[in-house]
Protein backbone atom coordinates (compact mmCIF):
# COMPACT_ATOMS: atom_id res chain seq x y z
CA MET A 1 4.71 -9.31 13.58
CA GLY A 2 6.06 -8.47 17.00
CA ARG A 3 3.93 -7.72 20.19
CA TYR A 4 1.67 -5.17 18.49
CA ALA A 5 -0.95 -5.65 15.69
CA ARG A 6 -0.55 -3.58 12.68
CA ARG A 7 -3.02 -0.84 12.31
CA VAL A 8 -5.14 -0.82 9.25
CA ASP A 9 -5.85 2.55 7.47
CA GLU A 10 -9.67 3.26 7.67
CA ASN A 11 -9.54 3.64 3.78
CA GLN A 12 -8.00 0.50 3.06
CA SER A 13 -11.13 -1.65 2.44
CA ALA A 14 -12.65 1.17 0.14
CA VAL A 15 -9.50 1.64 -1.73
CA ALA A 16 -9.20 -2.20 -2.16
CA ALA A 17 -12.79 -2.57 -3.43
CA ASN A 18 -12.35 0.40 -5.79
CA LEU A 19 -9.31 -1.32 -7.32
CA ARG A 20 -10.96 -4.63 -7.67
CA ALA A 21 -14.02 -2.97 -9.19
CA ARG A 22 -11.40 -1.74 -11.82
CA GLY A 23 -10.16 -5.18 -12.57
CA TYR A 24 -7.04 -5.16 -10.26
CA SER A 25 -6.11 -8.06 -8.07
CA VAL A 26 -5.53 -7.15 -4.19
CA ALA A 27 -4.00 -9.20 -1.51
CA PHE A 28 -3.80 -7.71 2.08
CA THR A 29 -0.26 -8.06 3.55
CA HIS A 30 -0.41 -5.56 6.43
CA ALA A 31 -0.20 -8.32 8.95
CA ILE A 32 3.29 -9.21 7.94
CA GLY A 33 4.49 -6.33 9.87
CA LYS A 34 8.18 -5.01 10.19
CA GLY A 35 7.52 -2.40 7.61
CA PHE A 36 6.10 -4.53 4.91
CA PRO A 37 3.54 -2.60 2.75
CA ASP A 38 -0.20 -2.85 3.47
CA PHE A 39 -1.17 -4.77 0.19
CA ALA A 40 -0.04 -6.39 -3.02
CA VAL A 41 -1.94 -4.83 -6.29
CA GLY A 42 -1.61 -6.67 -9.56
CA ARG A 43 -2.67 -6.24 -13.14
CA TYR A 44 -1.07 -6.48 -16.47
CA GLY A 45 1.32 -9.26 -15.18
CA ILE A 46 2.69 -6.52 -12.96
CA THR A 47 2.65 -6.80 -9.02
CA CYS A 48 3.43 -3.70 -6.86
CA LEU A 49 3.43 -3.46 -3.02
CA VAL A 50 1.67 -0.48 -1.71
CA GLU A 51 1.82 1.13 1.61
CA LEU A 52 -1.52 3.05 2.01
CA LYS A 53 -1.81 6.29 3.98
CA ASP A 54 -5.11 7.86 4.98
CA PRO A 55 -5.60 11.22 3.27
CA LEU A 56 -8.00 12.26 6.13
CA LYS A 57 -5.38 12.10 8.74
CA PRO A 58 -3.00 15.10 9.35
CA PRO A 59 0.26 14.98 7.60
CA SER A 60 2.18 13.94 10.63
CA GLN A 61 0.15 10.78 11.12
CA ARG A 62 0.66 9.96 7.19
CA LYS A 63 4.36 9.63 7.64
CA LEU A 64 6.11 6.44 7.12
CA THR A 65 7.08 4.69 10.27
CA ASP A 66 10.77 4.07 10.77
CA ALA A 67 10.35 0.32 9.73
CA GLU A 68 8.31 1.38 6.66
CA ALA A 69 10.90 3.94 5.43
CA GLU A 70 13.72 1.30 6.11
CA TRP A 71 11.69 -1.29 4.10
CA HIS A 72 11.11 1.13 1.23
CA ASP A 73 14.67 2.29 1.15
CA THR A 74 15.98 -1.41 0.70
CA TRP A 75 13.34 -2.88 -1.56
CA LYS A 76 14.47 -3.34 -5.04
CA GLY A 77 11.06 -4.24 -6.58
CA CYS A 78 7.88 -2.25 -7.45
CA ALA A 79 6.58 -0.48 -4.43
CA MET A 80 4.80 2.77 -3.78
CA VAL A 81 3.10 4.97 -1.03
CA ALA A 82 -0.35 6.19 -2.04
CA GLU A 83 -3.47 7.66 -0.43
CA THR A 84 -6.07 6.87 -3.13
CA ALA A 85 -7.02 4.13 -5.71
CA ASP A 86 -6.48 6.70 -8.44
CA GLU A 87 -2.96 7.16 -7.45
CA ILE A 88 -2.36 3.34 -7.51
CA VAL A 89 -4.02 3.14 -10.92
CA ALA A 90 -2.06 5.95 -12.28
CA PHE A 91 1.34 4.50 -10.97
CA MET A 92 0.22 0.99 -12.35
CA GLU A 93 -0.49 2.48 -15.72
CA GLU A 94 2.99 4.09 -15.96
CA GLN A 95 4.56 0.61 -15.20
CA ARG A 96 2.85 -1.10 -18.29
C-alpha cells in the first residue's frame, strides 16, 4: 500500500449500504492501493470492480489519480468509475 493510507470517499459507506439493500454483495478493496478500485460489487454471478468518486467534490478532485488511470487502462475485466449507487446498478444491469 505504500507509505500513505488510501483516502476513502465520504460517500463510500452510503453507496455500499444502498447497494446491499438492493441485493448486491459489496467488498471493500480500497486498502489494496496502487490504483486498485475502491470495492468489488457482485450480483447475478457478475463481479465488477468500482472506483468511487464523490459527486459533492469539485471535478478536479474527482479525477482518477495517475495510479487509478493506469490500473483502469490495463485491466481486462469488469471495472467502472461511478459516483452513485444508481450508476453502479445501471451498469450491472447492462452486464446481465
